[in-house]
Structures are given as C-alpha cells and as structure tokens.
Amino acid sequence: MHSPEHILDVFLQPGDFFWGDSTTRIRTILGSCVSICLWHPKLREGGMCHFMLPSRGHSEKPMSPLNGRYADEAWDMFLKEIKKNNTRIQDYMVKIFGGSSMFASEGNDKEIINSKMNIGLKNIEISRKIVEKYKLNVVSQNLGGNKSRRIHFEVWSGNVWLKRQEV
C-alpha cells in the first residue's frame, strides 16, 4: 500500500495517546512502557497509546481527566474514540509492544526479569488483562525481553514497524 502524499508524523512521549486517520504515522520508543495500537481496516483509522504504569491507584482525585501514563486510563481513551466512531471493539486489529526489563542484561539477572518490582512485567500483565476482558483481536505482539523498541505505526496501512535496539 502506498503512503499518502502528505503525512502527519506524530511522536508519542511516555503518557501520550493519539488517534489518527489514513494520513497519519505514529511513532514512539519503548523500554518498560507498553504501546497498544488499534486499527480499523475499513475506516483506516486508529490510535496508539504509550503507557508507563498499570494504574494511577487511589492517590489522585477520581474526577481528574484521563491520563495516558496509566494503562487503564489509556484504554479508556481508546474506548472513547471507538464510541465516537460508532464502531465496535471487535472491528479493530490490535498490536501490542514493549514491557522490557530495562535493568537486566541478556542471559543473566533472571531475578530482575521475573521480579514483582519489574515495571515492564506489570505493564505486560495489565495489557493481557485488557485483551482478555475485551476479547481483543490481537494480530501481533512483541513483549518482554531486555531491549528497547522503536515503533512506527502507519495508520493508512495498519502496518507497525518494529526495531529492537540496545539501550
């Protein structure tokens, strides 16, 4: 599929969320954070989040605006877009990336990789809970490990390009 003549190129920082149309490319770099990409193949629309933590917890006011730093709230942002488009979650293809253990090196430090203090692992767990709860159509995923990832999501085609890299 050919890229559009004019491309809106969006770079997500940790905690960002973006929803775009068929002229959009969304990019980010992940370590322990996770990105979920949703794409509607007929509308050629979709979005990406870049969350840092599973949940805000109870320390903040419940009436505060949604914050994309947290998986549960980033997911709520997706649900708002899906509702706004009058579509169903089952209509979307889902791709999930990230959740690295950034403090472990290849072949060692298995205690760190499997630790309950591993933020990447916690982010993977919440992603899997969201997938299970909403019965998402996950067509691709690349999770875990100990390398960062560079992600490019072409909303016009639904393709996500991944490059794993040393930190």
N, C-alpha and C. Protein backbone atom coordinates (compact mmCIF):
# COMPACT_ATOMS: atom_id res chain seq x y z
N MET A 1 0.85 -1.17 0.00
CA MET A 1 0.00 0.00 0.00
C MET A 1 0.90 1.24 0.00
N HIS A 2 0.55 2.19 -0.82
CA HIS A 2 1.33 3.41 -0.94
C HIS A 2 1.07 4.35 0.22
N SER A 3 2.10 5.07 0.62
CA SER A 3 1.92 6.05 1.68
C SER A 3 1.22 7.28 1.10
N PRO A 4 0.49 8.01 1.93
CA PRO A 4 -0.20 9.21 1.46
C PRO A 4 0.79 10.29 1.05
N GLU A 5 0.30 11.22 0.24
CA GLU A 5 1.16 12.31 -0.24
C GLU A 5 1.63 13.20 0.91
N HIS A 6 0.71 13.51 1.81
CA HIS A 6 1.04 14.35 2.96
C HIS A 6 0.81 13.54 4.22
N ILE A 7 1.85 13.40 5.03
CA ILE A 7 1.78 12.55 6.22
C ILE A 7 1.89 13.41 7.47
N LEU A 8 0.96 13.18 8.40
CA LEU A 8 1.07 13.76 9.73
C LEU A 8 1.90 12.76 10.54
N ASP A 9 3.10 13.18 10.94
CA ASP A 9 4.02 12.31 11.67
C ASP A 9 3.99 12.71 13.14
N VAL A 10 3.49 11.82 13.99
CA VAL A 10 3.31 12.12 15.41
C VAL A 10 4.26 11.27 16.23
N PHE A 11 5.00 11.89 17.13
CA PHE A 11 5.88 11.15 18.03
C PHE A 11 5.27 11.17 19.42
N LEU A 12 5.03 9.98 20.00
CA LEU A 12 4.45 9.89 21.33
C LEU A 12 5.55 9.84 22.39
N GLN A 13 5.43 10.71 23.36
CA GLN A 13 6.25 10.65 24.56
C GLN A 13 5.55 9.71 25.55
N PRO A 14 6.25 9.25 26.58
CA PRO A 14 5.57 8.43 27.59
C PRO A 14 4.33 9.16 28.15
N GLY A 15 3.23 8.44 28.18
CA GLY A 15 1.98 9.01 28.67
C GLY A 15 1.10 9.60 27.58
N ASP A 16 1.58 9.65 26.35
CA ASP A 16 0.80 10.24 25.25
C ASP A 16 -0.15 9.21 24.64
N PHE A 17 -1.18 9.76 23.98
CA PHE A 17 -2.18 8.98 23.25
C PHE A 17 -2.49 9.78 21.99
N PHE A 18 -2.65 9.08 20.86
CA PHE A 18 -3.05 9.78 19.64
C PHE A 18 -3.93 8.87 18.80
N TRP A 19 -4.97 9.48 18.21
CA TRP A 19 -5.87 8.80 17.29
C TRP A 19 -5.80 9.54 15.97
N GLY A 20 -5.60 8.80 14.88
CA GLY A 20 -5.44 9.46 13.59
C GLY A 20 -6.15 8.75 12.47
N ASP A 21 -6.09 9.39 11.29
CA ASP A 21 -6.73 8.85 10.10
C ASP A 21 -5.68 8.30 9.13
N SER A 22 -6.08 8.10 7.89
CA SER A 22 -5.22 7.43 6.91
C SER A 22 -4.05 8.28 6.41
N THR A 23 -3.85 9.44 6.99
CA THR A 23 -2.69 10.26 6.63
C THR A 23 -1.70 10.35 7.79
N THR A 24 -1.83 9.45 8.75
CA THR A 24 -1.07 9.56 10.00
C THR A 24 -0.06 8.43 10.17
N ARG A 25 1.11 8.81 10.68
CA ARG A 25 2.10 7.84 11.18
C ARG A 25 2.35 8.21 12.63
N ILE A 26 2.29 7.21 13.51
CA ILE A 26 2.53 7.43 14.94
C ILE A 26 3.77 6.65 15.32
N ARG A 27 4.71 7.33 15.99
CA ARG A 27 5.98 6.69 16.35
C ARG A 27 6.23 6.86 17.85
N THR A 28 7.03 5.94 18.39
CA THR A 28 7.47 6.07 19.78
C THR A 28 8.66 5.16 20.01
N ILE A 29 9.28 5.34 21.17
CA ILE A 29 10.35 4.47 21.63
C ILE A 29 9.94 3.92 22.99
N LEU A 30 10.06 2.60 23.15
CA LEU A 30 9.60 1.94 24.37
C LEU A 30 10.75 1.25 25.09
N GLY A 31 10.67 1.29 26.40
CA GLY A 31 11.51 0.47 27.27
C GLY A 31 10.57 -0.42 28.05
N SER A 32 10.36 -0.10 29.33
CA SER A 32 9.42 -0.87 30.14
C SER A 32 7.98 -0.48 29.85
N CYS A 33 7.77 0.64 29.18
CA CYS A 33 6.42 1.07 28.80
C CYS A 33 5.85 0.13 27.74
N VAL A 34 4.54 0.23 27.55
CA VAL A 34 3.85 -0.57 26.54
C VAL A 34 3.04 0.35 25.64
N SER A 35 3.02 0.01 24.35
CA SER A 35 2.14 0.67 23.39
C SER A 35 1.14 -0.33 22.87
N ILE A 36 -0.10 0.10 22.83
CA ILE A 36 -1.16 -0.65 22.19
C ILE A 36 -1.55 0.14 20.94
N CYS A 37 -1.62 -0.57 19.81
CA CYS A 37 -2.05 0.05 18.55
C CYS A 37 -3.38 -0.58 18.15
N LEU A 38 -4.38 0.24 17.88
CA LEU A 38 -5.67 -0.22 17.38
C LEU A 38 -5.84 0.30 15.97
N TRP A 39 -6.32 -0.56 15.06
CA TRP A 39 -6.51 -0.15 13.68
C TRP A 39 -7.80 -0.72 13.12
N HIS A 40 -8.59 0.13 12.50
CA HIS A 40 -9.83 -0.28 11.84
C HIS A 40 -9.55 -0.40 10.35
N PRO A 41 -9.53 -1.63 9.80
CA PRO A 41 -9.12 -1.82 8.41
C PRO A 41 -10.03 -1.17 7.37
N LYS A 42 -11.31 -1.05 7.64
CA LYS A 42 -12.22 -0.44 6.66
C LYS A 42 -12.14 1.09 6.71
N LEU A 43 -12.12 1.64 7.91
CA LEU A 43 -12.05 3.10 8.05
C LEU A 43 -10.64 3.65 7.87
N ARG A 44 -9.65 2.75 8.02
CA ARG A 44 -8.24 3.15 8.02
C ARG A 44 -8.00 4.29 9.02
N GLU A 45 -8.48 4.02 10.20
CA GLU A 45 -8.29 4.91 11.35
C GLU A 45 -7.73 4.07 12.48
N GLY A 46 -7.07 4.74 13.40
CA GLY A 46 -6.58 4.01 14.54
C GLY A 46 -5.78 4.90 15.46
N GLY A 47 -5.30 4.29 16.53
CA GLY A 47 -4.56 5.06 17.50
C GLY A 47 -3.53 4.24 18.22
N MET A 48 -2.73 4.97 18.98
CA MET A 48 -1.67 4.34 19.76
C MET A 48 -1.58 5.04 21.10
N CYS A 49 -1.30 4.25 22.13
CA CYS A 49 -1.00 4.80 23.45
C CYS A 49 0.42 4.41 23.82
N HIS A 50 0.96 5.11 24.79
CA HIS A 50 2.30 4.80 25.32
C HIS A 50 2.19 4.94 26.83
N PHE A 51 1.77 3.85 27.49
CA PHE A 51 1.57 3.95 28.94
C PHE A 51 2.79 3.49 29.70
N MET A 52 2.94 4.05 30.90
CA MET A 52 4.11 3.82 31.73
C MET A 52 3.86 2.88 32.90
N LEU A 53 2.63 2.90 33.42
CA LEU A 53 2.27 2.15 34.62
C LEU A 53 0.88 1.53 34.45
N PRO A 54 0.59 0.45 35.16
CA PRO A 54 -0.72 -0.19 35.04
C PRO A 54 -1.89 0.70 35.45
N SER A 55 -1.74 1.44 36.56
CA SER A 55 -2.86 2.20 37.09
C SER A 55 -2.35 3.37 37.93
N ARG A 56 -3.19 4.37 38.03
CA ARG A 56 -2.88 5.54 38.85
C ARG A 56 -2.97 5.21 40.33
N GLY A 57 -3.79 4.24 40.67
CA GLY A 57 -4.02 3.93 42.08
C GLY A 57 -5.08 4.86 42.65
N HIS A 58 -5.12 4.95 43.94
CA HIS A 58 -6.17 5.73 44.59
C HIS A 58 -5.69 7.06 45.12
N SER A 59 -4.47 7.47 44.78
CA SER A 59 -3.91 8.68 45.36
C SER A 59 -4.43 9.96 44.71
N GLU A 60 -4.96 9.87 43.49
CA GLU A 60 -5.42 11.07 42.80
C GLU A 60 -6.94 11.16 42.88
N LYS A 61 -7.43 12.38 42.61
CA LYS A 61 -8.88 12.60 42.63
C LYS A 61 -9.55 11.79 41.52
N PRO A 62 -10.67 11.14 41.80
CA PRO A 62 -11.35 10.36 40.78
C PRO A 62 -11.92 11.21 39.65
N MET A 63 -12.10 12.50 39.86
CA MET A 63 -12.70 13.36 38.85
C MET A 63 -11.65 13.98 37.92
N SER A 64 -10.39 13.68 38.11
CA SER A 64 -9.36 14.26 37.26
C SER A 64 -9.46 13.68 35.84
N PRO A 65 -8.97 14.40 34.83
CA PRO A 65 -9.07 13.90 33.45
C PRO A 65 -8.25 12.63 33.24
N LEU A 66 -8.62 11.88 32.21
CA LEU A 66 -7.90 10.66 31.88
C LEU A 66 -6.43 10.98 31.61
N ASN A 67 -5.56 10.09 32.04
CA ASN A 67 -4.13 10.30 31.90
C ASN A 67 -3.52 9.08 31.21
N GLY A 68 -2.93 9.29 30.05
CA GLY A 68 -2.37 8.22 29.24
C GLY A 68 -1.14 7.55 29.83
N ARG A 69 -0.64 8.06 30.95
CA ARG A 69 0.51 7.40 31.60
C ARG A 69 0.12 6.05 32.19
N TYR A 70 -1.19 5.84 32.39
CA TYR A 70 -1.69 4.64 33.07
C TYR A 70 -2.49 3.78 32.09
N ALA A 71 -2.22 2.47 32.10
CA ALA A 71 -2.83 1.55 31.14
C ALA A 71 -4.35 1.60 31.17
N ASP A 72 -4.93 1.57 32.35
CA ASP A 72 -6.40 1.55 32.42
C ASP A 72 -7.01 2.82 31.85
N GLU A 73 -6.37 3.96 32.08
CA GLU A 73 -6.90 5.22 31.57
C GLU A 73 -6.61 5.39 30.08
N ALA A 74 -5.45 4.91 29.62
CA ALA A 74 -5.16 4.94 28.19
C ALA A 74 -6.20 4.09 27.45
N TRP A 75 -6.55 2.94 28.04
CA TRP A 75 -7.56 2.10 27.42
C TRP A 75 -8.90 2.83 27.35
N ASP A 76 -9.26 3.57 28.39
CA ASP A 76 -10.49 4.36 28.37
C ASP A 76 -10.47 5.39 27.24
N MET A 77 -9.29 5.92 26.93
CA MET A 77 -9.17 6.86 25.81
C MET A 77 -9.49 6.15 24.49
N PHE A 78 -9.02 4.91 24.33
CA PHE A 78 -9.38 4.13 23.15
C PHE A 78 -10.89 3.93 23.08
N LEU A 79 -11.49 3.56 24.20
CA LEU A 79 -12.93 3.31 24.21
C LEU A 79 -13.73 4.55 23.82
N LYS A 80 -13.27 5.73 24.22
CA LYS A 80 -13.94 6.98 23.82
C LYS A 80 -13.88 7.17 22.31
N GLU A 81 -12.74 6.88 21.70
CA GLU A 81 -12.60 7.03 20.24
C GLU A 81 -13.47 6.01 19.51
N ILE A 82 -13.50 4.80 20.01
CA ILE A 82 -14.32 3.75 19.40
C ILE A 82 -15.79 4.16 19.44
N LYS A 83 -16.21 4.68 20.57
CA LYS A 83 -17.61 5.12 20.72
C LYS A 83 -17.89 6.31 19.80
N LYS A 84 -16.94 7.25 19.73
CA LYS A 84 -17.11 8.44 18.88
C LYS A 84 -17.27 8.03 17.41
N ASN A 85 -16.55 6.98 16.99
CA ASN A 85 -16.62 6.49 15.61
C ASN A 85 -17.81 5.57 15.36
N ASN A 86 -18.58 5.28 16.42
CA ASN A 86 -19.73 4.40 16.30
C ASN A 86 -19.33 3.04 15.72
N THR A 87 -18.21 2.52 16.23
CA THR A 87 -17.71 1.22 15.80
C THR A 87 -17.69 0.27 16.99
N ARG A 88 -17.33 -0.97 16.73
CA ARG A 88 -17.25 -1.98 17.78
C ARG A 88 -15.79 -2.37 17.99
N ILE A 89 -15.43 -2.72 19.21
CA ILE A 89 -14.06 -3.10 19.52
C ILE A 89 -13.63 -4.30 18.68
N GLN A 90 -14.57 -5.19 18.33
CA GLN A 90 -14.25 -6.38 17.55
C GLN A 90 -13.85 -6.03 16.12
N ASP A 91 -14.15 -4.81 15.67
CA ASP A 91 -13.81 -4.37 14.31
C ASP A 91 -12.35 -3.98 14.17
N TYR A 92 -11.63 -3.89 15.27
CA TYR A 92 -10.26 -3.38 15.27
C TYR A 92 -9.24 -4.50 15.37
N MET A 93 -8.13 -4.31 14.67
CA MET A 93 -6.96 -5.18 14.82
C MET A 93 -6.08 -4.53 15.87
N VAL A 94 -5.48 -5.37 16.72
CA VAL A 94 -4.72 -4.87 17.86
C VAL A 94 -3.29 -5.42 17.80
N LYS A 95 -2.33 -4.52 18.04
CA LYS A 95 -0.92 -4.90 18.13
C LYS A 95 -0.36 -4.29 19.40
N ILE A 96 0.45 -5.08 20.12
CA ILE A 96 0.95 -4.65 21.44
C ILE A 96 2.46 -4.87 21.49
N PHE A 97 3.16 -3.86 22.04
CA PHE A 97 4.62 -3.88 22.07
C PHE A 97 5.15 -3.32 23.37
N GLY A 98 6.32 -3.79 23.79
CA GLY A 98 7.04 -3.19 24.91
C GLY A 98 7.14 -4.10 26.11
N GLY A 99 7.27 -3.48 27.28
CA GLY A 99 7.35 -4.21 28.53
C GLY A 99 8.70 -4.82 28.81
N SER A 100 9.76 -4.19 28.34
CA SER A 100 11.11 -4.72 28.57
C SER A 100 11.52 -4.58 30.03
N SER A 101 12.41 -5.46 30.45
CA SER A 101 13.08 -5.32 31.73
C SER A 101 14.36 -4.54 31.45
N MET A 102 14.35 -3.28 31.76
CA MET A 102 15.45 -2.39 31.36
C MET A 102 16.65 -2.46 32.29
N PHE A 103 16.55 -3.23 33.38
CA PHE A 103 17.66 -3.32 34.32
C PHE A 103 18.35 -4.67 34.28
N ALA A 104 17.99 -5.50 33.32
CA ALA A 104 18.62 -6.82 33.19
C ALA A 104 19.38 -6.87 31.87
N SER A 105 20.44 -7.62 31.86
CA SER A 105 21.19 -7.80 30.62
C SER A 105 20.93 -9.19 30.08
N GLU A 106 21.18 -9.37 28.80
CA GLU A 106 20.92 -10.64 28.13
C GLU A 106 21.59 -11.80 28.85
N GLY A 107 20.81 -12.85 29.16
CA GLY A 107 21.38 -14.07 29.70
C GLY A 107 21.62 -14.08 31.20
N ASN A 108 21.37 -12.99 31.89
CA ASN A 108 21.55 -13.01 33.34
C ASN A 108 20.47 -12.18 34.02
N ASP A 109 20.58 -12.05 35.30
CA ASP A 109 19.64 -11.25 36.09
C ASP A 109 18.20 -11.73 35.94
N LYS A 110 18.00 -13.06 35.93
CA LYS A 110 16.64 -13.59 35.80
C LYS A 110 15.77 -13.17 36.97
N GLU A 111 16.38 -12.92 38.13
CA GLU A 111 15.62 -12.45 39.27
C GLU A 111 14.98 -11.10 38.97
N ILE A 112 15.71 -10.22 38.30
CA ILE A 112 15.16 -8.91 37.94
C ILE A 112 14.06 -9.07 36.90
N ILE A 113 14.28 -9.90 35.90
CA ILE A 113 13.30 -10.09 34.84
C ILE A 113 11.99 -10.62 35.40
N ASN A 114 12.04 -11.51 36.37
CA ASN A 114 10.83 -12.12 36.93
C ASN A 114 10.34 -11.45 38.21
N SER A 115 10.98 -10.40 38.64
CA SER A 115 10.65 -9.73 39.89
C SER A 115 9.29 -9.04 39.84
N LYS A 116 8.64 -9.02 41.00
CA LYS A 116 7.38 -8.28 41.11
C LYS A 116 7.60 -6.78 41.03
N MET A 117 8.85 -6.34 41.15
CA MET A 117 9.18 -4.93 41.03
C MET A 117 9.45 -4.54 39.57
N ASN A 118 9.38 -5.48 38.66
CA ASN A 118 9.66 -5.25 37.25
C ASN A 118 8.46 -4.53 36.62
N ILE A 119 8.61 -3.25 36.31
CA ILE A 119 7.52 -2.45 35.75
C ILE A 119 7.11 -2.99 34.38
N GLY A 120 8.08 -3.40 33.57
CA GLY A 120 7.76 -3.96 32.26
C GLY A 120 6.84 -5.15 32.37
N LEU A 121 7.13 -6.04 33.31
CA LEU A 121 6.30 -7.23 33.53
C LEU A 121 4.90 -6.84 33.99
N LYS A 122 4.80 -5.86 34.87
CA LYS A 122 3.48 -5.39 35.33
C LYS A 122 2.69 -4.79 34.16
N ASN A 123 3.38 -4.06 33.27
CA ASN A 123 2.70 -3.49 32.11
C ASN A 123 2.22 -4.56 31.15
N ILE A 124 3.00 -5.63 31.00
CA ILE A 124 2.57 -6.75 30.16
C ILE A 124 1.34 -7.41 30.78
N GLU A 125 1.36 -7.61 32.09
CA GLU A 125 0.23 -8.25 32.77
C GLU A 125 -1.07 -7.46 32.58
N ILE A 126 -1.01 -6.14 32.74
CA ILE A 126 -2.23 -5.33 32.58
C ILE A 126 -2.69 -5.36 31.13
N SER A 127 -1.75 -5.38 30.19
CA SER A 127 -2.12 -5.47 28.77
C SER A 127 -2.88 -6.75 28.50
N ARG A 128 -2.39 -7.85 29.06
CA ARG A 128 -3.06 -9.14 28.86
C ARG A 128 -4.44 -9.17 29.51
N LYS A 129 -4.59 -8.50 30.64
CA LYS A 129 -5.91 -8.41 31.28
C LYS A 129 -6.89 -7.63 30.42
N ILE A 130 -6.42 -6.54 29.81
CA ILE A 130 -7.28 -5.75 28.91
C ILE A 130 -7.68 -6.60 27.72
N VAL A 131 -6.73 -7.32 27.13
CA VAL A 131 -7.01 -8.19 25.97
C VAL A 131 -8.08 -9.22 26.34
N GLU A 132 -7.91 -9.84 27.50
CA GLU A 132 -8.86 -10.87 27.93
C GLU A 132 -10.24 -10.28 28.22
N LYS A 133 -10.28 -9.18 28.94
CA LYS A 133 -11.56 -8.57 29.33
C LYS A 133 -12.38 -8.14 28.12
N TYR A 134 -11.73 -7.56 27.12
CA TYR A 134 -12.45 -7.02 25.96
C TYR A 134 -12.42 -7.95 24.76
N LYS A 135 -11.81 -9.15 24.92
CA LYS A 135 -11.73 -10.14 23.85
C LYS A 135 -11.19 -9.51 22.57
N LEU A 136 -10.04 -8.86 22.70
CA LEU A 136 -9.44 -8.12 21.59
C LEU A 136 -8.86 -9.03 20.53
N ASN A 137 -8.89 -8.57 19.31
CA ASN A 137 -8.34 -9.29 18.16
C ASN A 137 -6.86 -8.92 18.02
N VAL A 138 -6.01 -9.57 18.81
CA VAL A 138 -4.58 -9.30 18.79
C VAL A 138 -3.97 -10.06 17.61
N VAL A 139 -3.43 -9.29 16.65
CA VAL A 139 -2.84 -9.90 15.46
C VAL A 139 -1.31 -9.92 15.53
N SER A 140 -0.74 -9.16 16.45
CA SER A 140 0.72 -9.14 16.59
C SER A 140 1.08 -8.61 17.97
N GLN A 141 2.14 -9.18 18.53
CA GLN A 141 2.66 -8.66 19.79
C GLN A 141 4.14 -8.96 19.89
N ASN A 142 4.84 -8.08 20.58
CA ASN A 142 6.26 -8.27 20.83
C ASN A 142 6.50 -7.68 22.21
N LEU A 143 6.54 -8.55 23.22
CA LEU A 143 6.57 -8.12 24.61
C LEU A 143 7.73 -8.74 25.36
N GLY A 144 8.19 -8.03 26.40
CA GLY A 144 9.22 -8.57 27.27
C GLY A 144 10.62 -8.35 26.75
N GLY A 145 11.53 -9.16 27.23
CA GLY A 145 12.93 -9.04 26.85
C GLY A 145 13.63 -7.95 27.64
N ASN A 146 14.77 -7.51 27.12
CA ASN A 146 15.53 -6.50 27.84
C ASN A 146 16.12 -5.45 26.90
N LYS A 147 15.48 -5.26 25.75
CA LYS A 147 15.92 -4.23 24.80
C LYS A 147 14.79 -3.24 24.55
N SER A 148 15.19 -2.03 24.23
CA SER A 148 14.17 -1.04 23.88
C SER A 148 13.66 -1.32 22.47
N ARG A 149 12.54 -0.70 22.15
CA ARG A 149 11.92 -0.89 20.85
C ARG A 149 11.58 0.47 20.24
N ARG A 150 11.78 0.58 18.96
CA ARG A 150 11.34 1.75 18.19
C ARG A 150 10.15 1.28 17.37
N ILE A 151 9.02 1.98 17.49
CA ILE A 151 7.77 1.57 16.85
C ILE A 151 7.32 2.66 15.86
N HIS A 152 6.90 2.25 14.66
CA HIS A 152 6.32 3.15 13.66
C HIS A 152 5.00 2.53 13.23
N PHE A 153 3.88 3.19 13.49
CA PHE A 153 2.55 2.70 13.14
C PHE A 153 2.02 3.56 12.00
N GLU A 154 1.88 2.94 10.83
CA GLU A 154 1.32 3.62 9.66
C GLU A 154 -0.19 3.40 9.66
N VAL A 155 -0.94 4.41 10.01
CA VAL A 155 -2.39 4.25 10.14
C VAL A 155 -3.03 3.99 8.78
N TRP A 156 -2.46 4.48 7.69
CA TRP A 156 -3.05 4.25 6.37
C TRP A 156 -3.04 2.77 5.98
N SER A 157 -2.08 1.99 6.48
CA SER A 157 -1.98 0.58 6.10
C SER A 157 -2.22 -0.38 7.26
N GLY A 158 -2.10 0.10 8.48
CA GLY A 158 -2.19 -0.76 9.65
C GLY A 158 -0.87 -1.42 10.00
N ASN A 159 0.16 -1.19 9.19
CA ASN A 159 1.47 -1.79 9.46
C ASN A 159 2.15 -1.12 10.64
N VAL A 160 2.78 -1.95 11.46
CA VAL A 160 3.62 -1.45 12.54
C VAL A 160 5.02 -1.99 12.31
N TRP A 161 5.97 -1.09 12.23
CA TRP A 161 7.36 -1.45 12.02
C TRP A 161 8.06 -1.40 13.37
N LEU A 162 8.82 -2.44 13.68
CA LEU A 162 9.46 -2.58 14.97
C LEU A 162 10.95 -2.75 14.77
N LYS A 163 11.73 -2.02 15.57
CA LYS A 163 13.17 -2.24 15.61
C LYS A 163 13.57 -2.36 17.06
N ARG A 164 14.14 -3.49 17.42
CA ARG A 164 14.66 -3.69 18.78
C ARG A 164 16.07 -3.18 18.80
N GLN A 165 16.46 -2.53 19.90
CA GLN A 165 17.78 -1.93 19.96
C GLN A 165 18.36 -2.00 21.36
N GLU A 166 19.67 -1.96 21.40
CA GLU A 166 20.38 -1.88 22.67
C GLU A 166 20.14 -0.51 23.28
N VAL A 167 20.13 -0.45 24.59
CA VAL A 167 19.92 0.82 25.27
C VAL A 167 21.23 1.57 25.40
